[in-house]
Every structure is written in structure tokens, then in C-alpha cells.
Amino acid sequence: ERAARQEGFVEAFWLWLERLLIAIGATTLLAAASADQPGRLSILGGGPNILGRFLGMLCLLMVAQSLRQGGGLRWSAAWRIVVAALALILLLQTGSRGAFAGLLIGLLALLLVRRMNVRLIGIGAIIVLSFGYLFKVILDLERIDLIEERWLVMTLEEGYISHRDVLFAEAYRLWLERPVFGGGLDSFVHYTSG
């Protein structure tokens, strides 16, 4: 009985998480459709990186749930794949490179855990690339240029990483000085150069 209750709780948790993330995705889609928002996509006063994390989680959850459905292409898997593709398009509009990298790592881990075969991964890659066309149809030229500037030019060509290399080096130095207990909550600025 306890195991059944625990299993029911786990199922209810994933269902509510799915609904919450879909609601965030729908709100984001409405905000993106309004086209009044210049620059990186964000909603409800939150930053684009936070929104990017939620959209990455939505995409990953939709892929995981569609794989969980079993063999064959069923309606429950098909609509989740469409939601995952839309979440990916919206995630790219946030410009959050960290959320995108986290999504890629999560998808790779999911595929490794599920022991997916190479053929299925290839089919998935073709589907994702085909959404590139959908991406260009949905977005206007200005948004595509913004994404290209942030992702390709700033990150790959110019090597801009928002000084994260400095933050990682400082965090590593602090960890070496205080490896067990650290410096305490909200102490990073206190122990670093600011």
C-alpha cells in the first residue's frame, strides 16, 4: 500500500510539473506572438535566463514523456514532440546559452539512460533540423538576426562568455580554500574581488 501511494505521488508530481511548464510555455508563446518585445524573450518580469531554464525543462520533460509512451507514434507522444519543438524555438529566443547547453546535456543523458539506438537518434536529429524551417517561418527577420548575433557571433566567433570563466576561477579558488563548509550563504562577493 505504501509503495502504491508513493507511486501515485510520483505520477501526480510529474503531471503537475508538466502542466505548470506547459502553462509557462503557453504564456511565453503568447508573449512571443505579440512581437512588442525587443531583444531577448522574457515574461512576467523574470529574466531571459530563468525563462530559458523553464523552457529547457519543458522540452526535456516532453521528450522524456514521449519516449516513455512505448513503441509506435501515438497521439500522446506526437503532441509532446510538437510542444518540445516549440519550447526549443522559444528557448533560442531567450538567448540563454546556459539553458540551451543544459538542455543538450539533459537530452544526451536521457538518450544514454534510455539506451537509444543510433538510428533513432538520427531520426530525432532529422526531425529537429526540419524544425529549422518552422523556426524561420514563425520568427521575423529581426528576431533571427538577434539570435544569430548572440549565438553565433558573440559566443563562437568572439568567444564572449559573460565573464563566466572569471566566476568559475573564483569559485574554484574559494572551494580550494573552504572545501567542506564553503564561505556561507551569499558570501561570494565578500570573499572575492567583487
N, C-alpha and C. Protein backbone atom coordinates (compact mmCIF):
# COMPACT_ATOMS: atom_id res chain seq x y z
N GLU A 1 0.83 -1.19 0.00
CA GLU A 1 0.00 0.00 0.00
C GLU A 1 0.87 1.26 0.00
N ARG A 2 1.93 1.24 0.79
CA ARG A 2 2.81 2.41 0.85
C ARG A 2 3.49 2.65 -0.50
N ALA A 3 3.91 1.57 -1.14
CA ALA A 3 4.55 1.70 -2.45
C ALA A 3 3.56 2.25 -3.47
N ALA A 4 2.31 1.82 -3.39
CA ALA A 4 1.30 2.32 -4.32
C ALA A 4 1.05 3.80 -4.10
N ARG A 5 0.99 4.24 -2.84
CA ARG A 5 0.81 5.65 -2.53
C ARG A 5 1.99 6.48 -3.04
N GLN A 6 3.19 5.94 -2.84
CA GLN A 6 4.39 6.65 -3.29
C GLN A 6 4.41 6.75 -4.81
N GLU A 7 4.03 5.68 -5.49
CA GLU A 7 3.99 5.70 -6.95
C GLU A 7 2.94 6.70 -7.44
N GLY A 8 1.80 6.76 -6.76
CA GLY A 8 0.77 7.73 -7.11
C GLY A 8 1.25 9.15 -6.92
N PHE A 9 2.00 9.39 -5.85
CA PHE A 9 2.56 10.72 -5.60
C PHE A 9 3.53 11.11 -6.71
N VAL A 10 4.38 10.18 -7.10
CA VAL A 10 5.36 10.46 -8.15
C VAL A 10 4.65 10.78 -9.47
N GLU A 11 3.64 10.02 -9.81
CA GLU A 11 2.88 10.28 -11.04
C GLU A 11 2.20 11.65 -10.98
N ALA A 12 1.61 11.98 -9.82
CA ALA A 12 0.95 13.27 -9.65
C ALA A 12 1.96 14.41 -9.75
N PHE A 13 3.16 14.22 -9.18
CA PHE A 13 4.20 15.25 -9.26
C PHE A 13 4.56 15.55 -10.71
N TRP A 14 4.82 14.50 -11.50
CA TRP A 14 5.21 14.71 -12.90
C TRP A 14 4.08 15.34 -13.70
N LEU A 15 2.84 14.96 -13.40
CA LEU A 15 1.70 15.53 -14.10
C LEU A 15 1.58 17.03 -13.81
N TRP A 16 1.70 17.42 -12.55
CA TRP A 16 1.59 18.84 -12.20
C TRP A 16 2.78 19.64 -12.71
N LEU A 17 3.97 19.04 -12.69
CA LEU A 17 5.12 19.72 -13.26
C LEU A 17 4.92 19.95 -14.76
N GLU A 18 4.41 18.93 -15.43
CA GLU A 18 4.13 19.05 -16.86
C GLU A 18 3.13 20.17 -17.11
N ARG A 19 2.05 20.22 -16.34
CA ARG A 19 1.04 21.26 -16.53
C ARG A 19 1.60 22.66 -16.25
N LEU A 20 2.40 22.78 -15.21
CA LEU A 20 2.99 24.08 -14.87
C LEU A 20 3.92 24.56 -15.98
N LEU A 21 4.78 23.67 -16.47
CA LEU A 21 5.71 24.05 -17.53
C LEU A 21 4.98 24.35 -18.84
N ILE A 22 3.91 23.63 -19.12
CA ILE A 22 3.11 23.92 -20.31
C ILE A 22 2.45 25.29 -20.18
N ALA A 23 1.99 25.64 -19.00
CA ALA A 23 1.40 26.96 -18.78
C ALA A 23 2.45 28.06 -19.00
N ILE A 24 3.67 27.84 -18.51
CA ILE A 24 4.75 28.80 -18.73
C ILE A 24 5.05 28.89 -20.23
N GLY A 25 5.10 27.75 -20.89
CA GLY A 25 5.35 27.73 -22.33
C GLY A 25 4.26 28.45 -23.11
N ALA A 26 3.00 28.25 -22.73
CA ALA A 26 1.89 28.92 -23.42
C ALA A 26 1.94 30.43 -23.21
N THR A 27 2.26 30.85 -21.99
CA THR A 27 2.40 32.28 -21.72
C THR A 27 3.54 32.87 -22.53
N THR A 28 4.62 32.13 -22.65
CA THR A 28 5.76 32.59 -23.44
C THR A 28 5.40 32.67 -24.91
N LEU A 29 4.67 31.70 -25.41
CA LEU A 29 4.25 31.71 -26.81
C LEU A 29 3.38 32.92 -27.10
N LEU A 30 2.46 33.26 -26.18
CA LEU A 30 1.63 34.45 -26.36
C LEU A 30 2.48 35.72 -26.35
N ALA A 31 3.47 35.77 -25.45
CA ALA A 31 4.36 36.94 -25.39
C ALA A 31 5.19 37.06 -26.67
N ALA A 32 5.65 35.93 -27.18
CA ALA A 32 6.45 35.95 -28.41
C ALA A 32 5.60 36.34 -29.61
N ALA A 33 4.33 35.94 -29.60
CA ALA A 33 3.44 36.25 -30.71
C ALA A 33 3.05 37.72 -30.75
N SER A 34 3.11 38.39 -29.59
CA SER A 34 2.74 39.80 -29.56
C SER A 34 3.74 40.66 -30.31
N ALA A 35 4.98 40.22 -30.40
CA ALA A 35 6.05 40.88 -31.16
C ALA A 35 6.33 42.31 -30.71
N ASP A 36 5.86 42.69 -29.52
CA ASP A 36 6.14 44.03 -29.00
C ASP A 36 7.43 44.05 -28.20
N GLN A 37 8.01 42.91 -28.00
CA GLN A 37 9.14 42.78 -27.10
C GLN A 37 10.46 42.83 -27.87
N PRO A 38 11.23 43.89 -27.71
CA PRO A 38 12.53 43.93 -28.37
C PRO A 38 13.56 43.12 -27.58
N GLY A 39 14.55 42.63 -28.26
CA GLY A 39 15.63 41.94 -27.57
C GLY A 39 15.27 40.51 -27.18
N ARG A 40 15.91 40.05 -26.11
CA ARG A 40 15.73 38.67 -25.66
C ARG A 40 14.36 38.46 -25.04
N LEU A 41 13.79 37.31 -25.28
CA LEU A 41 12.45 36.97 -24.82
C LEU A 41 12.45 36.71 -23.32
N SER A 42 11.51 37.33 -22.61
CA SER A 42 11.30 37.05 -21.19
C SER A 42 9.84 37.37 -20.89
N ILE A 43 9.34 36.82 -19.77
CA ILE A 43 7.93 37.05 -19.41
C ILE A 43 7.82 37.36 -17.93
N LEU A 44 6.73 38.02 -17.57
CA LEU A 44 6.33 38.27 -16.19
C LEU A 44 7.42 38.90 -15.34
N GLY A 45 8.26 39.72 -15.94
CA GLY A 45 9.28 40.42 -15.18
C GLY A 45 10.51 39.60 -14.84
N GLY A 46 10.53 38.33 -15.20
CA GLY A 46 11.70 37.48 -14.95
C GLY A 46 12.73 37.67 -16.05
N GLY A 47 13.92 37.26 -15.79
CA GLY A 47 14.97 37.38 -16.79
C GLY A 47 14.89 36.30 -17.85
N PRO A 48 15.55 36.54 -18.98
CA PRO A 48 15.52 35.56 -20.07
C PRO A 48 16.23 34.26 -19.71
N ASN A 49 17.22 34.29 -18.82
CA ASN A 49 17.90 33.05 -18.45
C ASN A 49 17.00 32.15 -17.61
N ILE A 50 16.20 32.76 -16.73
CA ILE A 50 15.26 31.98 -15.92
C ILE A 50 14.21 31.34 -16.82
N LEU A 51 13.67 32.13 -17.73
CA LEU A 51 12.68 31.60 -18.68
C LEU A 51 13.31 30.49 -19.52
N GLY A 52 14.56 30.68 -19.94
CA GLY A 52 15.25 29.66 -20.72
C GLY A 52 15.35 28.34 -19.98
N ARG A 53 15.61 28.41 -18.67
CA ARG A 53 15.67 27.16 -17.87
C ARG A 53 14.33 26.46 -17.86
N PHE A 54 13.25 27.22 -17.66
CA PHE A 54 11.92 26.60 -17.64
C PHE A 54 11.59 25.98 -18.99
N LEU A 55 11.92 26.68 -20.07
CA LEU A 55 11.63 26.14 -21.40
C LEU A 55 12.50 24.92 -21.70
N GLY A 56 13.74 24.92 -21.23
CA GLY A 56 14.58 23.73 -21.37
C GLY A 56 14.02 22.54 -20.62
N MET A 57 13.51 22.81 -19.41
CA MET A 57 12.88 21.74 -18.63
C MET A 57 11.64 21.22 -19.34
N LEU A 58 10.85 22.13 -19.92
CA LEU A 58 9.64 21.72 -20.66
C LEU A 58 10.03 20.84 -21.84
N CYS A 59 11.02 21.25 -22.60
CA CYS A 59 11.45 20.48 -23.76
C CYS A 59 11.93 19.09 -23.34
N LEU A 60 12.77 19.05 -22.32
CA LEU A 60 13.31 17.77 -21.85
C LEU A 60 12.21 16.87 -21.30
N LEU A 61 11.28 17.44 -20.54
CA LEU A 61 10.19 16.64 -19.98
C LEU A 61 9.29 16.09 -21.09
N MET A 62 9.02 16.89 -22.12
CA MET A 62 8.18 16.43 -23.21
C MET A 62 8.86 15.28 -23.98
N VAL A 63 10.16 15.40 -24.19
CA VAL A 63 10.88 14.32 -24.88
C VAL A 63 10.87 13.05 -24.01
N ALA A 64 11.14 13.22 -22.72
CA ALA A 64 11.16 12.06 -21.82
C ALA A 64 9.80 11.39 -21.75
N GLN A 65 8.73 12.18 -21.67
CA GLN A 65 7.38 11.61 -21.59
C GLN A 65 6.99 10.95 -22.91
N SER A 66 7.41 11.51 -24.03
CA SER A 66 7.07 10.88 -25.31
C SER A 66 7.83 9.56 -25.48
N LEU A 67 9.06 9.46 -24.97
CA LEU A 67 9.79 8.20 -25.03
C LEU A 67 9.19 7.17 -24.09
N ARG A 68 8.60 7.64 -23.03
CA ARG A 68 8.01 6.75 -22.03
C ARG A 68 6.75 6.06 -22.53
N GLN A 69 6.12 6.63 -23.55
CA GLN A 69 4.85 6.12 -24.04
C GLN A 69 4.95 4.75 -24.69
N GLY A 70 6.15 4.30 -25.01
CA GLY A 70 6.31 2.99 -25.62
C GLY A 70 6.47 3.09 -27.13
N GLY A 71 6.39 1.94 -27.77
CA GLY A 71 6.63 1.86 -29.21
C GLY A 71 5.53 2.52 -30.02
N GLY A 72 5.88 2.88 -31.23
CA GLY A 72 4.91 3.47 -32.14
C GLY A 72 4.70 4.94 -31.88
N LEU A 73 4.15 5.61 -32.88
CA LEU A 73 3.87 7.02 -32.75
C LEU A 73 2.41 7.20 -32.39
N ARG A 74 2.17 7.50 -31.15
CA ARG A 74 0.81 7.71 -30.67
C ARG A 74 0.55 9.21 -30.56
N TRP A 75 -0.73 9.57 -30.45
CA TRP A 75 -1.10 10.97 -30.33
C TRP A 75 -0.46 11.59 -29.10
N SER A 76 -0.42 10.87 -27.97
CA SER A 76 0.15 11.42 -26.73
C SER A 76 1.64 11.71 -26.89
N ALA A 77 2.32 10.95 -27.71
CA ALA A 77 3.74 11.23 -27.97
C ALA A 77 3.89 12.33 -29.01
N ALA A 78 3.01 12.35 -30.01
CA ALA A 78 3.13 13.32 -31.10
C ALA A 78 2.94 14.76 -30.60
N TRP A 79 1.92 15.01 -29.78
CA TRP A 79 1.72 16.39 -29.31
C TRP A 79 2.85 16.81 -28.39
N ARG A 80 3.43 15.88 -27.66
CA ARG A 80 4.56 16.23 -26.79
C ARG A 80 5.80 16.60 -27.61
N ILE A 81 5.98 15.95 -28.73
CA ILE A 81 7.11 16.28 -29.61
C ILE A 81 6.93 17.69 -30.19
N VAL A 82 5.69 18.03 -30.57
CA VAL A 82 5.42 19.38 -31.08
C VAL A 82 5.66 20.42 -29.98
N VAL A 83 5.21 20.14 -28.76
CA VAL A 83 5.44 21.07 -27.64
C VAL A 83 6.94 21.21 -27.38
N ALA A 84 7.68 20.10 -27.45
CA ALA A 84 9.14 20.16 -27.25
C ALA A 84 9.80 21.03 -28.31
N ALA A 85 9.35 20.90 -29.55
CA ALA A 85 9.93 21.71 -30.64
C ALA A 85 9.63 23.20 -30.43
N LEU A 86 8.40 23.52 -30.05
CA LEU A 86 8.05 24.91 -29.78
C LEU A 86 8.84 25.45 -28.60
N ALA A 87 9.01 24.63 -27.56
CA ALA A 87 9.80 25.06 -26.39
C ALA A 87 11.25 25.33 -26.81
N LEU A 88 11.78 24.52 -27.70
CA LEU A 88 13.14 24.73 -28.19
C LEU A 88 13.25 26.04 -28.96
N ILE A 89 12.27 26.33 -29.82
CA ILE A 89 12.28 27.58 -30.58
C ILE A 89 12.20 28.77 -29.64
N LEU A 90 11.33 28.69 -28.63
CA LEU A 90 11.21 29.78 -27.66
C LEU A 90 12.47 29.92 -26.82
N LEU A 91 13.08 28.78 -26.47
CA LEU A 91 14.33 28.83 -25.69
C LEU A 91 15.42 29.56 -26.46
N LEU A 92 15.51 29.32 -27.74
CA LEU A 92 16.50 30.02 -28.55
C LEU A 92 16.25 31.52 -28.56
N GLN A 93 14.99 31.93 -28.49
CA GLN A 93 14.66 33.36 -28.47
C GLN A 93 15.05 34.02 -27.15
N THR A 94 15.16 33.25 -26.08
CA THR A 94 15.60 33.84 -24.81
C THR A 94 17.07 34.21 -24.87
N GLY A 95 17.82 33.55 -25.73
CA GLY A 95 19.25 33.81 -25.83
C GLY A 95 20.04 33.20 -24.69
N SER A 96 19.44 32.34 -23.90
CA SER A 96 20.13 31.74 -22.75
C SER A 96 20.99 30.57 -23.22
N ARG A 97 22.28 30.85 -23.32
CA ARG A 97 23.21 29.81 -23.78
C ARG A 97 23.37 28.73 -22.73
N GLY A 98 23.31 29.09 -21.46
CA GLY A 98 23.43 28.10 -20.39
C GLY A 98 22.26 27.15 -20.37
N ALA A 99 21.04 27.69 -20.57
CA ALA A 99 19.86 26.83 -20.61
C ALA A 99 19.91 25.89 -21.80
N PHE A 100 20.39 26.40 -22.94
CA PHE A 100 20.50 25.55 -24.13
C PHE A 100 21.54 24.45 -23.92
N ALA A 101 22.67 24.80 -23.32
CA ALA A 101 23.70 23.79 -23.04
C ALA A 101 23.16 22.75 -22.05
N GLY A 102 22.43 23.22 -21.03
CA GLY A 102 21.83 22.29 -20.08
C GLY A 102 20.84 21.35 -20.74
N LEU A 103 20.05 21.89 -21.67
CA LEU A 103 19.10 21.06 -22.41
C LEU A 103 19.82 19.99 -23.23
N LEU A 104 20.89 20.38 -23.92
CA LEU A 104 21.64 19.41 -24.72
C LEU A 104 22.24 18.32 -23.85
N ILE A 105 22.79 18.69 -22.70
CA ILE A 105 23.36 17.69 -21.78
C ILE A 105 22.26 16.79 -21.25
N GLY A 106 21.11 17.38 -20.91
CA GLY A 106 19.98 16.58 -20.43
C GLY A 106 19.47 15.61 -21.47
N LEU A 107 19.37 16.06 -22.73
CA LEU A 107 18.92 15.17 -23.80
C LEU A 107 19.92 14.04 -24.04
N LEU A 108 21.20 14.36 -24.00
CA LEU A 108 22.22 13.33 -24.15
C LEU A 108 22.13 12.31 -23.02
N ALA A 109 21.99 12.78 -21.79
CA ALA A 109 21.86 11.87 -20.65
C ALA A 109 20.61 11.00 -20.78
N LEU A 110 19.51 11.61 -21.22
CA LEU A 110 18.27 10.86 -21.40
C LEU A 110 18.44 9.77 -22.45
N LEU A 111 19.09 10.11 -23.55
CA LEU A 111 19.29 9.11 -24.60
C LEU A 111 20.23 7.99 -24.14
N LEU A 112 21.23 8.35 -23.36
CA LEU A 112 22.14 7.31 -22.85
C LEU A 112 21.45 6.41 -21.84
N VAL A 113 20.65 7.00 -20.95
CA VAL A 113 19.94 6.21 -19.95
C VAL A 113 18.92 5.29 -20.61
N ARG A 114 18.25 5.80 -21.62
CA ARG A 114 17.25 5.00 -22.33
C ARG A 114 17.87 4.01 -23.30
N ARG A 115 19.21 4.09 -23.44
CA ARG A 115 19.95 3.21 -24.36
C ARG A 115 19.32 3.24 -25.76
N MET A 116 19.16 4.46 -26.24
CA MET A 116 18.56 4.64 -27.55
C MET A 116 19.56 4.22 -28.63
N ASN A 117 19.04 3.62 -29.67
CA ASN A 117 19.93 3.22 -30.75
C ASN A 117 20.27 4.40 -31.66
N VAL A 118 21.33 4.24 -32.40
CA VAL A 118 21.84 5.31 -33.25
C VAL A 118 20.82 5.70 -34.32
N ARG A 119 20.10 4.75 -34.83
CA ARG A 119 19.10 5.03 -35.86
C ARG A 119 18.02 5.97 -35.33
N LEU A 120 17.54 5.71 -34.12
CA LEU A 120 16.51 6.55 -33.52
C LEU A 120 17.05 7.95 -33.24
N ILE A 121 18.30 8.04 -32.79
CA ILE A 121 18.91 9.34 -32.55
C ILE A 121 19.04 10.11 -33.87
N GLY A 122 19.39 9.43 -34.95
CA GLY A 122 19.47 10.05 -36.27
C GLY A 122 18.13 10.57 -36.74
N ILE A 123 17.08 9.79 -36.53
CA ILE A 123 15.73 10.23 -36.90
C ILE A 123 15.35 11.47 -36.10
N GLY A 124 15.67 11.46 -34.80
CA GLY A 124 15.40 12.63 -33.96
C GLY A 124 16.15 13.86 -34.42
N ALA A 125 17.41 13.67 -34.85
CA ALA A 125 18.20 14.81 -35.34
C ALA A 125 17.59 15.38 -36.60
N ILE A 126 17.10 14.52 -37.49
CA ILE A 126 16.46 14.99 -38.72
C ILE A 126 15.19 15.77 -38.40
N ILE A 127 14.42 15.28 -37.42
CA ILE A 127 13.20 15.99 -37.02
C ILE A 127 13.55 17.37 -36.46
N VAL A 128 14.57 17.42 -35.60
CA VAL A 128 14.98 18.70 -35.01
C VAL A 128 15.45 19.66 -36.10
N LEU A 129 16.24 19.17 -37.03
CA LEU A 129 16.71 20.03 -38.11
C LEU A 129 15.56 20.50 -39.01
N SER A 130 14.56 19.65 -39.19
CA SER A 130 13.42 20.06 -40.01
C SER A 130 12.62 21.17 -39.34
N PHE A 131 12.73 21.25 -38.01
CA PHE A 131 12.05 22.34 -37.33
C PHE A 131 12.76 23.67 -37.57
N GLY A 132 13.95 23.63 -38.15
CA GLY A 132 14.63 24.85 -38.56
C GLY A 132 13.78 25.64 -39.54
N TYR A 133 13.11 24.94 -40.43
CA TYR A 133 12.20 25.60 -41.37
C TYR A 133 11.06 26.27 -40.61
N LEU A 134 10.46 25.53 -39.68
CA LEU A 134 9.38 26.08 -38.86
C LEU A 134 9.87 27.30 -38.08
N PHE A 135 11.10 27.23 -37.61
CA PHE A 135 11.73 28.32 -36.87
C PHE A 135 11.76 29.59 -37.72
N LYS A 136 12.15 29.47 -38.99
CA LYS A 136 12.22 30.64 -39.87
C LYS A 136 10.84 31.14 -40.26
N VAL A 137 9.86 30.26 -40.31
CA VAL A 137 8.50 30.67 -40.66
C VAL A 137 7.87 31.43 -39.50
N ILE A 138 8.10 30.98 -38.26
CA ILE A 138 7.47 31.58 -37.10
C ILE A 138 8.07 32.95 -36.78
N LEU A 139 9.39 33.06 -36.87
CA LEU A 139 10.07 34.27 -36.43
C LEU A 139 10.27 35.27 -37.56
N ASP A 140 10.32 36.53 -37.19
CA ASP A 140 10.62 37.55 -38.18
C ASP A 140 12.13 37.68 -38.33
N LEU A 141 12.56 38.40 -39.35
CA LEU A 141 13.97 38.51 -39.68
C LEU A 141 14.77 39.18 -38.56
N GLU A 142 14.17 40.16 -37.87
CA GLU A 142 14.87 40.86 -36.79
C GLU A 142 15.21 39.90 -35.65
N ARG A 143 14.27 39.03 -35.29
CA ARG A 143 14.50 38.07 -34.20
C ARG A 143 15.56 37.04 -34.60
N ILE A 144 15.52 36.61 -35.83
CA ILE A 144 16.52 35.65 -36.31
C ILE A 144 17.90 36.28 -36.28
N ASP A 145 18.00 37.55 -36.68
CA ASP A 145 19.29 38.25 -36.62
C ASP A 145 19.79 38.38 -35.19
N LEU A 146 18.88 38.67 -34.25
CA LEU A 146 19.26 38.77 -32.84
C LEU A 146 19.82 37.44 -32.32
N ILE A 147 19.14 36.36 -32.66
CA ILE A 147 19.59 35.04 -32.22
C ILE A 147 20.94 34.70 -32.86
N GLU A 148 21.06 35.00 -34.14
CA GLU A 148 22.33 34.73 -34.82
C GLU A 148 23.47 35.53 -34.19
N GLU A 149 23.22 36.80 -33.87
CA GLU A 149 24.25 37.65 -33.25
C GLU A 149 24.68 37.09 -31.90
N ARG A 150 23.71 36.71 -31.07
CA ARG A 150 24.03 36.24 -29.71
C ARG A 150 24.67 34.86 -29.73
N TRP A 151 24.16 33.97 -30.55
CA TRP A 151 24.63 32.58 -30.51
C TRP A 151 25.89 32.37 -31.34
N LEU A 152 25.88 32.87 -32.56
CA LEU A 152 26.99 32.58 -33.45
C LEU A 152 28.13 33.58 -33.32
N VAL A 153 27.80 34.85 -33.45
CA VAL A 153 28.86 35.86 -33.48
C VAL A 153 29.48 36.05 -32.09
N MET A 154 28.64 36.37 -31.09
CA MET A 154 29.19 36.64 -29.75
C MET A 154 29.83 35.41 -29.12
N THR A 155 29.16 34.28 -29.19
CA THR A 155 29.66 33.09 -28.49
C THR A 155 30.78 32.40 -29.24
N LEU A 156 30.55 32.07 -30.49
CA LEU A 156 31.52 31.26 -31.23
C LEU A 156 32.64 32.09 -31.84
N GLU A 157 32.30 33.20 -32.50
CA GLU A 157 33.33 33.97 -33.18
C GLU A 157 34.13 34.85 -32.22
N GLU A 158 33.42 35.55 -31.31
CA GLU A 158 34.11 36.47 -30.40
C GLU A 158 34.51 35.82 -29.08
N GLY A 159 33.96 34.65 -28.79
CA GLY A 159 34.30 33.95 -27.55
C GLY A 159 33.75 34.62 -26.30
N TYR A 160 32.68 35.41 -26.43
CA TYR A 160 32.10 36.10 -25.28
C TYR A 160 31.32 35.11 -24.43
N ILE A 161 31.69 35.00 -23.16
CA ILE A 161 31.01 34.06 -22.24
C ILE A 161 30.59 34.76 -20.95
N SER A 162 30.34 36.06 -21.02
CA SER A 162 29.82 36.85 -19.90
C SER A 162 30.70 36.77 -18.66
N HIS A 163 31.99 36.68 -18.85
CA HIS A 163 32.97 36.61 -17.76
C HIS A 163 32.73 35.41 -16.84
N ARG A 164 32.09 34.38 -17.37
CA ARG A 164 31.86 33.19 -16.55
C ARG A 164 33.17 32.47 -16.24
N ASP A 165 34.15 32.60 -17.12
CA ASP A 165 35.44 31.98 -16.84
C ASP A 165 36.06 32.57 -15.57
N VAL A 166 35.89 33.88 -15.37
CA VAL A 166 36.40 34.53 -14.15
C VAL A 166 35.61 34.05 -12.93
N LEU A 167 34.29 33.95 -13.07
CA LEU A 167 33.46 33.48 -11.96
C LEU A 167 33.81 32.04 -11.59
N PHE A 168 33.99 31.19 -12.59
CA PHE A 168 34.35 29.80 -12.31
C PHE A 168 35.71 29.70 -11.63
N ALA A 169 36.68 30.52 -12.07
CA ALA A 169 38.01 30.50 -11.45
C ALA A 169 37.93 30.96 -9.99
N GLU A 170 37.15 32.00 -9.72
CA GLU A 170 36.98 32.48 -8.34
C GLU A 170 36.27 31.44 -7.49
N ALA A 171 35.24 30.81 -8.04
CA ALA A 171 34.52 29.78 -7.29
C ALA A 171 35.43 28.60 -6.98
N TYR A 172 36.27 28.23 -7.92
CA TYR A 172 37.21 27.13 -7.71
C TYR A 172 38.23 27.50 -6.63
N ARG A 173 38.72 28.73 -6.67
CA ARG A 173 39.67 29.19 -5.65
C ARG A 173 39.02 29.16 -4.28
N LEU A 174 37.77 29.62 -4.18
CA LEU A 174 37.06 29.59 -2.90
C LEU A 174 36.86 28.16 -2.42
N TRP A 175 36.55 27.27 -3.34
CA TRP A 175 36.35 25.87 -2.98
C TRP A 175 37.65 25.27 -2.43
N LEU A 176 38.79 25.64 -3.04
CA LEU A 176 40.07 25.14 -2.54
C LEU A 176 40.35 25.65 -1.13
N GLU A 177 39.95 26.90 -0.84
CA GLU A 177 40.17 27.47 0.49
C GLU A 177 39.22 26.90 1.53
N ARG A 178 37.99 26.61 1.16
CA ARG A 178 36.95 26.13 2.09
C ARG A 178 36.19 24.97 1.45
N PRO A 179 36.82 23.81 1.30
CA PRO A 179 36.19 22.74 0.52
C PRO A 179 35.00 22.07 1.21
N VAL A 180 34.93 22.07 2.51
CA VAL A 180 33.86 21.33 3.18
C VAL A 180 32.63 22.20 3.42
N PHE A 181 32.80 23.31 4.12
CA PHE A 181 31.66 24.13 4.51
C PHE A 181 31.47 25.36 3.63
N GLY A 182 32.45 25.70 2.81
CA GLY A 182 32.33 26.87 1.96
C GLY A 182 32.41 28.15 2.76
N GLY A 183 31.97 29.23 2.17
CA GLY A 183 32.03 30.53 2.83
C GLY A 183 30.74 30.93 3.49
N GLY A 184 29.68 30.17 3.30
CA GLY A 184 28.38 30.53 3.84
C GLY A 184 27.47 31.08 2.76
N LEU A 185 26.22 31.25 3.12
CA LEU A 185 25.24 31.75 2.17
C LEU A 185 25.55 33.19 1.77
N ASP A 186 25.43 33.47 0.52
CA ASP A 186 25.57 34.82 -0.03
C ASP A 186 26.92 35.45 0.31
N SER A 187 27.97 34.65 0.29
CA SER A 187 29.29 35.17 0.69
C SER A 187 30.25 35.31 -0.48
N PHE A 188 29.83 35.03 -1.67
CA PHE A 188 30.73 35.04 -2.81
C PHE A 188 31.36 36.43 -2.99
N VAL A 189 30.55 37.47 -2.92
CA VAL A 189 31.07 38.83 -3.11
C VAL A 189 32.04 39.19 -1.98
N HIS A 190 31.74 38.72 -0.77
CA HIS A 190 32.60 39.03 0.39
C HIS A 190 34.01 38.45 0.23
N TYR A 191 34.11 37.25 -0.28
CA TYR A 191 35.40 36.56 -0.38
C TYR A 191 36.11 36.76 -1.70
N THR A 192 35.47 37.41 -2.64
CA THR A 192 36.10 37.63 -3.94
C THR A 192 36.33 39.12 -4.15
N SER A 193 36.87 39.42 -5.28
CA SER A 193 37.17 40.82 -5.59
C SER A 193 35.93 41.61 -5.94
N GLY A 194 34.77 40.94 -5.97
CA GLY A 194 33.52 41.66 -6.21
C GLY A 194 33.06 41.46 -7.58
